[in-house]
Amino acid sequence: MPSDAVPASAGETGPRGLILDFAGVLTSDPREAQHAWCRSEGLAPGAWRAALAEHPEGRRLYAALETGKLAQAE
């Protein structure tokens, strides 16, 4: 524990922090999973990323998903 950290009070329970994992910091590189999915679907390895990064409708849909305006199932 860092020297300036405040220890939990007696009896205190619950989360004390939040860990976020973006772009393979704690997990595998997401590009590997994207390429594997593309291969399993018979697509070129970069198709998933291109659809989200280069295609205007793909970018719009991904932004809507990330902001909660589009459900995961949609």
PDB file of N, CA and C in Angstrom:
ATOM      1  N   MET A   1       0.857  -1.173   0.000  1.00  0.00           N
ATOM      2  CA  MET A   1       0.000   0.000   0.000  1.00  0.00           C
ATOM      3  C   MET A   1       0.900   1.231   0.000  1.00  0.00           C
ATOM      4  N   PRO A   2       0.624   2.218  -0.864  1.00  0.00           N
ATOM      5  CA  PRO A   2       1.429   3.439  -0.848  1.00  0.00           C
ATOM      6  C   PRO A   2       1.370   4.111   0.513  1.00  0.00           C
ATOM      7  N   SER A   3       2.424   4.810   0.864  1.00  0.00           N
ATOM      8  CA  SER A   3       2.496   5.426   2.189  1.00  0.00           C
ATOM      9  C   SER A   3       1.424   6.482   2.419  1.00  0.00           C
ATOM     10  N   ASP A   4       0.890   7.082   1.359  1.00  0.00           N
ATOM     11  CA  ASP A   4      -0.133   8.116   1.538  1.00  0.00           C
ATOM     12  C   ASP A   4      -1.554   7.549   1.434  1.00  0.00           C
ATOM     13  N   ALA A   5      -1.690   6.214   1.269  1.00  0.00           N
ATOM     14  CA  ALA A   5      -3.012   5.603   1.174  1.00  0.00           C
ATOM     15  C   ALA A   5      -3.680   5.600   2.540  1.00  0.00           C
ATOM     16  N   VAL A   6      -4.988   5.749   2.520  1.00  0.00           N
ATOM     17  CA  VAL A   6      -5.754   5.746   3.760  1.00  0.00           C
ATOM     18  C   VAL A   6      -6.319   4.353   3.960  1.00  0.00           C
ATOM     19  N   PRO A   7      -5.992   3.697   5.089  1.00  0.00           N
ATOM     20  CA  PRO A   7      -6.522   2.348   5.319  1.00  0.00           C
ATOM     21  C   PRO A   7      -8.028   2.388   5.533  1.00  0.00           C
ATOM     22  N   ALA A   8      -8.682   1.251   5.262  1.00  0.00           N
ATOM     23  CA  ALA A   8     -10.129   1.156   5.458  1.00  0.00           C
ATOM     24  C   ALA A   8     -10.459   1.299   6.927  1.00  0.00           C
ATOM     25  N   SER A   9     -11.588   1.919   7.216  1.00  0.00           N
ATOM     26  CA  SER A   9     -12.062   2.033   8.595  1.00  0.00           C
ATOM     27  C   SER A   9     -12.506   0.667   9.076  1.00  0.00           C
ATOM     28  N   ALA A  10     -12.477   0.477  10.370  1.00  0.00           N
ATOM     29  CA  ALA A  10     -12.915  -0.787  10.949  1.00  0.00           C
ATOM     30  C   ALA A  10     -14.356  -1.062  10.542  1.00  0.00           C
ATOM     31  N   GLY A  11     -14.606  -2.255  10.037  1.00  0.00           N
ATOM     32  CA  GLY A  11     -15.960  -2.636   9.641  1.00  0.00           C
ATOM     33  C   GLY A  11     -16.356  -2.177   8.245  1.00  0.00           C
ATOM     34  N   GLU A  12     -15.529  -1.402   7.585  1.00  0.00           N
ATOM     35  CA  GLU A  12     -15.869  -0.922   6.237  1.00  0.00           C
ATOM     36  C   GLU A  12     -15.744  -2.068   5.247  1.00  0.00           C
ATOM     37  N   THR A  13     -16.744  -2.222   4.388  1.00  0.00           N
ATOM     38  CA  THR A  13     -16.706  -3.263   3.369  1.00  0.00           C
ATOM     39  C   THR A  13     -17.008  -2.654   2.011  1.00  0.00           C
ATOM     40  N   GLY A  14     -16.823  -3.444   0.990  1.00  0.00           N
ATOM     41  CA  GLY A  14     -17.151  -2.990  -0.356  1.00  0.00           C
ATOM     42  C   GLY A  14     -15.911  -2.656  -1.160  1.00  0.00           C
ATOM     43  N   PRO A  15     -16.117  -2.354  -2.413  1.00  0.00           N
ATOM     44  CA  PRO A  15     -14.992  -2.054  -3.304  1.00  0.00           C
ATOM     45  C   PRO A  15     -14.198  -0.843  -2.840  1.00  0.00           C
ATOM     46  N   ARG A  16     -12.888  -0.919  -3.007  1.00  0.00           N
ATOM     47  CA  ARG A  16     -12.017   0.196  -2.644  1.00  0.00           C
ATOM     48  C   ARG A  16     -11.335   0.776  -3.872  1.00  0.00           C
ATOM     49  N   GLY A  17     -11.621   0.209  -5.051  1.00  0.00           N
ATOM     50  CA  GLY A  17     -10.980   0.705  -6.256  1.00  0.00           C
ATOM     51  C   GLY A  17     -11.664   0.159  -7.489  1.00  0.00           C
ATOM     52  N   LEU A  18     -11.203   0.602  -8.628  1.00  0.00           N
ATOM     53  CA  LEU A  18     -11.764   0.188  -9.905  1.00  0.00           C
ATOM     54  C   LEU A  18     -10.605  -0.017 -10.868  1.00  0.00           C
ATOM     55  N   ILE A  19     -10.584  -1.174 -11.503  1.00  0.00           N
ATOM     56  CA  ILE A  19      -9.554  -1.464 -12.493  1.00  0.00           C
ATOM     57  C   ILE A  19     -10.233  -1.559 -13.850  1.00  0.00           C
ATOM     58  N   LEU A  20      -9.765  -0.789 -14.796  1.00  0.00           N
ATOM     59  CA  LEU A  20     -10.274  -0.833 -16.160  1.00  0.00           C
ATOM     60  C   LEU A  20      -9.203  -1.407 -17.065  1.00  0.00           C
ATOM     61  N   ASP A  21      -9.609  -2.185 -18.039  1.00  0.00           N
ATOM     62  CA  ASP A  21      -8.668  -2.820 -18.954  1.00  0.00           C
ATOM     63  C   ASP A  21      -9.031  -2.425 -20.379  1.00  0.00           C
ATOM     64  N   PHE A  22      -8.203  -1.635 -20.989  1.00  0.00           N
ATOM     65  CA  PHE A  22      -8.418  -1.223 -22.365  1.00  0.00           C
ATOM     66  C   PHE A  22      -7.246  -1.688 -23.219  1.00  0.00           C
ATOM     67  N   ALA A  23      -7.552  -2.250 -24.362  1.00  0.00           N
ATOM     68  CA  ALA A  23      -6.561  -2.579 -25.391  1.00  0.00           C
ATOM     69  C   ALA A  23      -5.470  -3.528 -24.919  1.00  0.00           C
ATOM     70  N   GLY A  24      -5.845  -4.541 -24.164  1.00  0.00           N
ATOM     71  CA  GLY A  24      -4.901  -5.587 -23.836  1.00  0.00           C
ATOM     72  C   GLY A  24      -3.898  -5.273 -22.753  1.00  0.00           C
ATOM     73  N   VAL A  25      -4.209  -4.338 -21.872  1.00  0.00           N
ATOM     74  CA  VAL A  25      -3.292  -4.020 -20.776  1.00  0.00           C
ATOM     75  C   VAL A  25      -3.187  -5.208 -19.825  1.00  0.00           C
ATOM     76  N   LEU A  26      -4.325  -5.736 -19.386  1.00  0.00           N
ATOM     77  CA  LEU A  26      -4.340  -6.875 -18.474  1.00  0.00           C
ATOM     78  C   LEU A  26      -4.736  -8.170 -19.177  1.00  0.00           C
ATOM     79  N   THR A  27      -5.368  -8.067 -20.310  1.00  0.00           N
ATOM     80  CA  THR A  27      -5.806  -9.244 -21.049  1.00  0.00           C
ATOM     81  C   THR A  27      -4.999  -9.346 -22.339  1.00  0.00           C
ATOM     82  N   SER A  28      -5.357 -10.286 -23.160  1.00  0.00           N
ATOM     83  CA  SER A  28      -4.651 -10.442 -24.434  1.00  0.00           C
ATOM     84  C   SER A  28      -4.951  -9.263 -25.357  1.00  0.00           C
ATOM     85  N   ASP A  29      -4.112  -9.119 -26.348  1.00  0.00           N
ATOM     86  CA  ASP A  29      -4.262  -8.060 -27.343  1.00  0.00           C
ATOM     87  C   ASP A  29      -5.602  -8.251 -28.062  1.00  0.00           C
ATOM     88  N   PRO A  30      -6.492  -7.254 -28.053  1.00  0.00           N
ATOM     89  CA  PRO A  30      -7.803  -7.428 -28.680  1.00  0.00           C
ATOM     90  C   PRO A  30      -7.707  -7.690 -30.179  1.00  0.00           C
ATOM     91  N   ARG A  31      -6.634  -7.256 -30.821  1.00  0.00           N
ATOM     92  CA  ARG A  31      -6.502  -7.505 -32.262  1.00  0.00           C
ATOM     93  C   ARG A  31      -6.433  -9.000 -32.554  1.00  0.00           C
ATOM     94  N   GLU A  32      -5.815  -9.766 -31.668  1.00  0.00           N
ATOM     95  CA  GLU A  32      -5.753 -11.216 -31.854  1.00  0.00           C
ATOM     96  C   GLU A  32      -7.156 -11.819 -31.840  1.00  0.00           C
ATOM     97  N   ALA A  33      -7.979 -11.395 -30.904  1.00  0.00           N
ATOM     98  CA  ALA A  33      -9.356 -11.892 -30.825  1.00  0.00           C
ATOM     99  C   ALA A  33     -10.165 -11.437 -32.035  1.00  0.00           C
ATOM    100  N   GLN A  34      -9.963 -10.204 -32.464  1.00  0.00           N
ATOM    101  CA  GLN A  34     -10.672  -9.700 -33.648  1.00  0.00           C
ATOM    102  C   GLN A  34     -10.295 -10.503 -34.885  1.00  0.00           C
ATOM    103  N   HIS A  35      -9.009 -10.762 -35.065  1.00  0.00           N
ATOM    104  CA  HIS A  35      -8.558 -11.533 -36.226  1.00  0.00           C
ATOM    105  C   HIS A  35      -9.096 -12.956 -36.178  1.00  0.00           C
ATOM    106  N   ALA A  36      -9.086 -13.563 -34.993  1.00  0.00           N
ATOM    107  CA  ALA A  36      -9.605 -14.925 -34.850  1.00  0.00           C
ATOM    108  C   ALA A  36     -11.090 -14.974 -35.200  1.00  0.00           C
ATOM    109  N   TRP A  37     -11.842 -13.984 -34.748  1.00  0.00           N
ATOM    110  CA  TRP A  37     -13.275 -13.944 -35.066  1.00  0.00           C
ATOM    111  C   TRP A  37     -13.472 -13.776 -36.566  1.00  0.00           C
ATOM    112  N   CYS A  38     -12.706 -12.894 -37.187  1.00  0.00           N
ATOM    113  CA  CYS A  38     -12.822 -12.702 -38.637  1.00  0.00           C
ATOM    114  C   CYS A  38     -12.542 -14.008 -39.379  1.00  0.00           C
ATOM    115  N   ARG A  39     -11.488 -14.707 -38.976  1.00  0.00           N
ATOM    116  CA  ARG A  39     -11.164 -15.989 -39.609  1.00  0.00           C
ATOM    117  C   ARG A  39     -12.311 -16.987 -39.438  1.00  0.00           C
ATOM    118  N   SER A  40     -12.884 -17.037 -38.227  1.00  0.00           N
ATOM    119  CA  SER A  40     -13.965 -17.996 -37.968  1.00  0.00           C
ATOM    120  C   SER A  40     -15.206 -17.688 -38.805  1.00  0.00           C
ATOM    121  N   GLU A  41     -15.357 -16.438 -39.213  1.00  0.00           N
ATOM    122  CA  GLU A  41     -16.510 -16.021 -40.013  1.00  0.00           C
ATOM    123  C   GLU A  41     -16.198 -15.960 -41.504  1.00  0.00           C
ATOM    124  N   GLY A  42     -14.968 -16.346 -41.873  1.00  0.00           N
ATOM    125  CA  GLY A  42     -14.586 -16.337 -43.282  1.00  0.00           C
ATOM    126  C   GLY A  42     -14.271 -14.958 -43.828  1.00  0.00           C
ATOM    127  N   LEU A  43     -13.884 -14.042 -42.955  1.00  0.00           N
ATOM    128  CA  LEU A  43     -13.573 -12.671 -43.365  1.00  0.00           C
ATOM    129  C   LEU A  43     -12.068 -12.444 -43.369  1.00  0.00           C
ATOM    130  N   ALA A  44     -11.640 -11.390 -44.032  1.00  0.00           N
ATOM    131  CA  ALA A  44     -10.236 -10.991 -43.986  1.00  0.00           C
ATOM    132  C   ALA A  44      -9.893 -10.609 -42.544  1.00  0.00           C
ATOM    133  N   PRO A  45      -8.645 -10.840 -42.096  1.00  0.00           N
ATOM    134  CA  PRO A  45      -8.278 -10.576 -40.700  1.00  0.00           C
ATOM    135  C   PRO A  45      -8.597  -9.161 -40.209  1.00  0.00           C
ATOM    136  N   GLY A  46      -8.546  -8.154 -41.042  1.00  0.00           N
ATOM    137  CA  GLY A  46      -8.795  -6.786 -40.602  1.00  0.00           C
ATOM    138  C   GLY A  46     -10.204  -6.285 -40.846  1.00  0.00           C
ATOM    139  N   ALA A  47     -11.125  -7.159 -41.242  1.00  0.00           N
ATOM    140  CA  ALA A  47     -12.478  -6.727 -41.612  1.00  0.00           C
ATOM    141  C   ALA A  47     -13.238  -6.079 -40.459  1.00  0.00           C
ATOM    142  N   TRP A  48     -13.144  -6.683 -39.272  1.00  0.00           N
ATOM    143  CA  TRP A  48     -13.880  -6.146 -38.110  1.00  0.00           C
ATOM    144  C   TRP A  48     -13.418  -4.730 -37.803  1.00  0.00           C
ATOM    145  N   ARG A  49     -12.108  -4.563 -37.703  1.00  0.00           N
ATOM    146  CA  ARG A  49     -11.550  -3.251 -37.370  1.00  0.00           C
ATOM    147  C   ARG A  49     -11.858  -2.220 -38.458  1.00  0.00           C
ATOM    148  N   ALA A  50     -11.755  -2.619 -39.710  1.00  0.00           N
ATOM    149  CA  ALA A  50     -12.045  -1.697 -40.810  1.00  0.00           C
ATOM    150  C   ALA A  50     -13.498  -1.235 -40.772  1.00  0.00           C
ATOM    151  N   ALA A  51     -14.417  -2.156 -40.446  1.00  0.00           N
ATOM    152  CA  ALA A  51     -15.833  -1.793 -40.387  1.00  0.00           C
ATOM    153  C   ALA A  51     -16.103  -0.745 -39.316  1.00  0.00           C
ATOM    154  N   LEU A  52     -15.350  -0.799 -38.221  1.00  0.00           N
ATOM    155  CA  LEU A  52     -15.562   0.158 -37.132  1.00  0.00           C
ATOM    156  C   LEU A  52     -14.737   1.434 -37.287  1.00  0.00           C
ATOM    157  N   ALA A  53     -13.626   1.353 -37.965  1.00  0.00           N
ATOM    158  CA  ALA A  53     -12.738   2.505 -38.055  1.00  0.00           C
ATOM    159  C   ALA A  53     -12.889   3.293 -39.348  1.00  0.00           C
ATOM    160  N   GLU A  54     -13.259   2.615 -40.427  1.00  0.00           N
ATOM    161  CA  GLU A  54     -13.246   3.270 -41.735  1.00  0.00           C
ATOM    162  C   GLU A  54     -14.621   3.476 -42.352  1.00  0.00           C
ATOM    163  N   HIS A  55     -15.570   2.654 -42.000  1.00  0.00           N
ATOM    164  CA  HIS A  55     -16.903   2.732 -42.592  1.00  0.00           C
ATOM    165  C   HIS A  55     -17.762   3.704 -41.772  1.00  0.00           C
ATOM    166  N   PRO A  56     -18.330   4.746 -42.397  1.00  0.00           N
ATOM    167  CA  PRO A  56     -19.108   5.745 -41.630  1.00  0.00           C
ATOM    168  C   PRO A  56     -20.245   5.141 -40.804  1.00  0.00           C
ATOM    169  N   GLU A  57     -20.982   4.201 -41.364  1.00  0.00           N
ATOM    170  CA  GLU A  57     -22.086   3.593 -40.608  1.00  0.00           C
ATOM    171  C   GLU A  57     -21.542   2.734 -39.475  1.00  0.00           C
ATOM    172  N   GLY A  58     -20.431   2.056 -39.711  1.00  0.00           N
ATOM    173  CA  GLY A  58     -19.794   1.273 -38.658  1.00  0.00           C
ATOM    174  C   GLY A  58     -19.349   2.158 -37.504  1.00  0.00           C
ATOM    175  N   ARG A  59     -18.750   3.301 -37.818  1.00  0.00           N
ATOM    176  CA  ARG A  59     -18.322   4.242 -36.765  1.00  0.00           C
ATOM    177  C   ARG A  59     -19.516   4.764 -35.991  1.00  0.00           C
ATOM    178  N   ARG A  60     -20.603   5.089 -36.707  1.00  0.00           N
ATOM    179  CA  ARG A  60     -21.805   5.610 -36.045  1.00  0.00           C
ATOM    180  C   ARG A  60     -22.397   4.567 -35.099  1.00  0.00           C
ATOM    181  N   LEU A  61     -22.508   3.327 -35.576  1.00  0.00           N
ATOM    182  CA  LEU A  61     -23.082   2.272 -34.744  1.00  0.00           C
ATOM    183  C   LEU A  61     -22.207   1.967 -33.534  1.00  0.00           C
ATOM    184  N   TYR A  62     -20.906   1.941 -33.724  1.00  0.00           N
ATOM    185  CA  TYR A  62     -19.995   1.656 -32.605  1.00  0.00           C
ATOM    186  C   TYR A  62     -20.067   2.769 -31.565  1.00  0.00           C
ATOM    187  N   ALA A  63     -20.136   4.019 -32.010  1.00  0.00           N
ATOM    188  CA  ALA A  63     -20.271   5.142 -31.067  1.00  0.00           C
ATOM    189  C   ALA A  63     -21.583   5.028 -30.293  1.00  0.00           C
ATOM    190  N   ALA A  64     -22.660   4.643 -30.976  1.00  0.00           N
ATOM    191  CA  ALA A  64     -23.956   4.478 -30.298  1.00  0.00           C
ATOM    192  C   ALA A  64     -23.883   3.353 -29.275  1.00  0.00           C
ATOM    193  N   LEU A  65     -23.188   2.283 -29.602  1.00  0.00           N
ATOM    194  CA  LEU A  65     -23.019   1.176 -28.657  1.00  0.00           C
ATOM    195  C   LEU A  65     -22.234   1.628 -27.429  1.00  0.00           C
ATOM    196  N   GLU A  66     -21.138   2.329 -27.648  1.00  0.00           N
ATOM    197  CA  GLU A  66     -20.266   2.762 -26.555  1.00  0.00           C
ATOM    198  C   GLU A  66     -20.947   3.796 -25.649  1.00  0.00           C
ATOM    199  N   THR A  67     -21.894   4.549 -26.143  1.00  0.00           N
ATOM    200  CA  THR A  67     -22.579   5.558 -25.338  1.00  0.00           C
ATOM    201  C   THR A  67     -23.913   5.088 -24.794  1.00  0.00           C
ATOM    202  N   GLY A  68     -24.254   3.808 -25.021  1.00  0.00           N
ATOM    203  CA  GLY A  68     -25.474   3.250 -24.483  1.00  0.00           C
ATOM    204  C   GLY A  68     -26.725   3.569 -25.287  1.00  0.00           C
ATOM    205  N   LYS A  69     -26.567   4.138 -26.472  1.00  0.00           N
ATOM    206  CA  LYS A  69     -27.717   4.450 -27.318  1.00  0.00           C
ATOM    207  C   LYS A  69     -28.133   3.246 -28.160  1.00  0.00           C
ATOM    208  N   LEU A  70     -27.292   2.210 -28.182  1.00  0.00           N
ATOM    209  CA  LEU A  70     -27.552   0.992 -28.932  1.00  0.00           C
ATOM    210  C   LEU A  70     -27.227  -0.179 -28.010  1.00  0.00           C
ATOM    211  N   ALA A  71     -28.151  -1.115 -27.899  1.00  0.00           N
ATOM    212  CA  ALA A  71     -27.934  -2.274 -27.035  1.00  0.00           C
ATOM    213  C   ALA A  71     -26.943  -3.237 -27.684  1.00  0.00           C
ATOM    214  N   GLN A  72     -26.232  -4.010 -26.868  1.00  0.00           N
ATOM    215  CA  GLN A  72     -25.252  -4.978 -27.359  1.00  0.00           C
ATOM    216  C   GLN A  72     -25.894  -5.940 -28.360  1.00  0.00           C
ATOM    217  N   ALA A  73     -27.080  -6.421 -28.076  1.00  0.00           N
ATOM    218  CA  ALA A  73     -27.744  -7.368 -28.970  1.00  0.00           C
ATOM    219  C   ALA A  73     -28.066  -6.740 -30.331  1.00  0.00           C
ATOM    220  N   GLU A  74     -28.345  -5.447 -30.349  1.00  0.00           N
ATOM    221  CA  GLU A  74     -28.653  -4.772 -31.612  1.00  0.00           C
ATOM    222  C   GLU A  74     -27.415  -4.678 -32.458  1.00  0.00           C
TER     223      GLU A  74
END
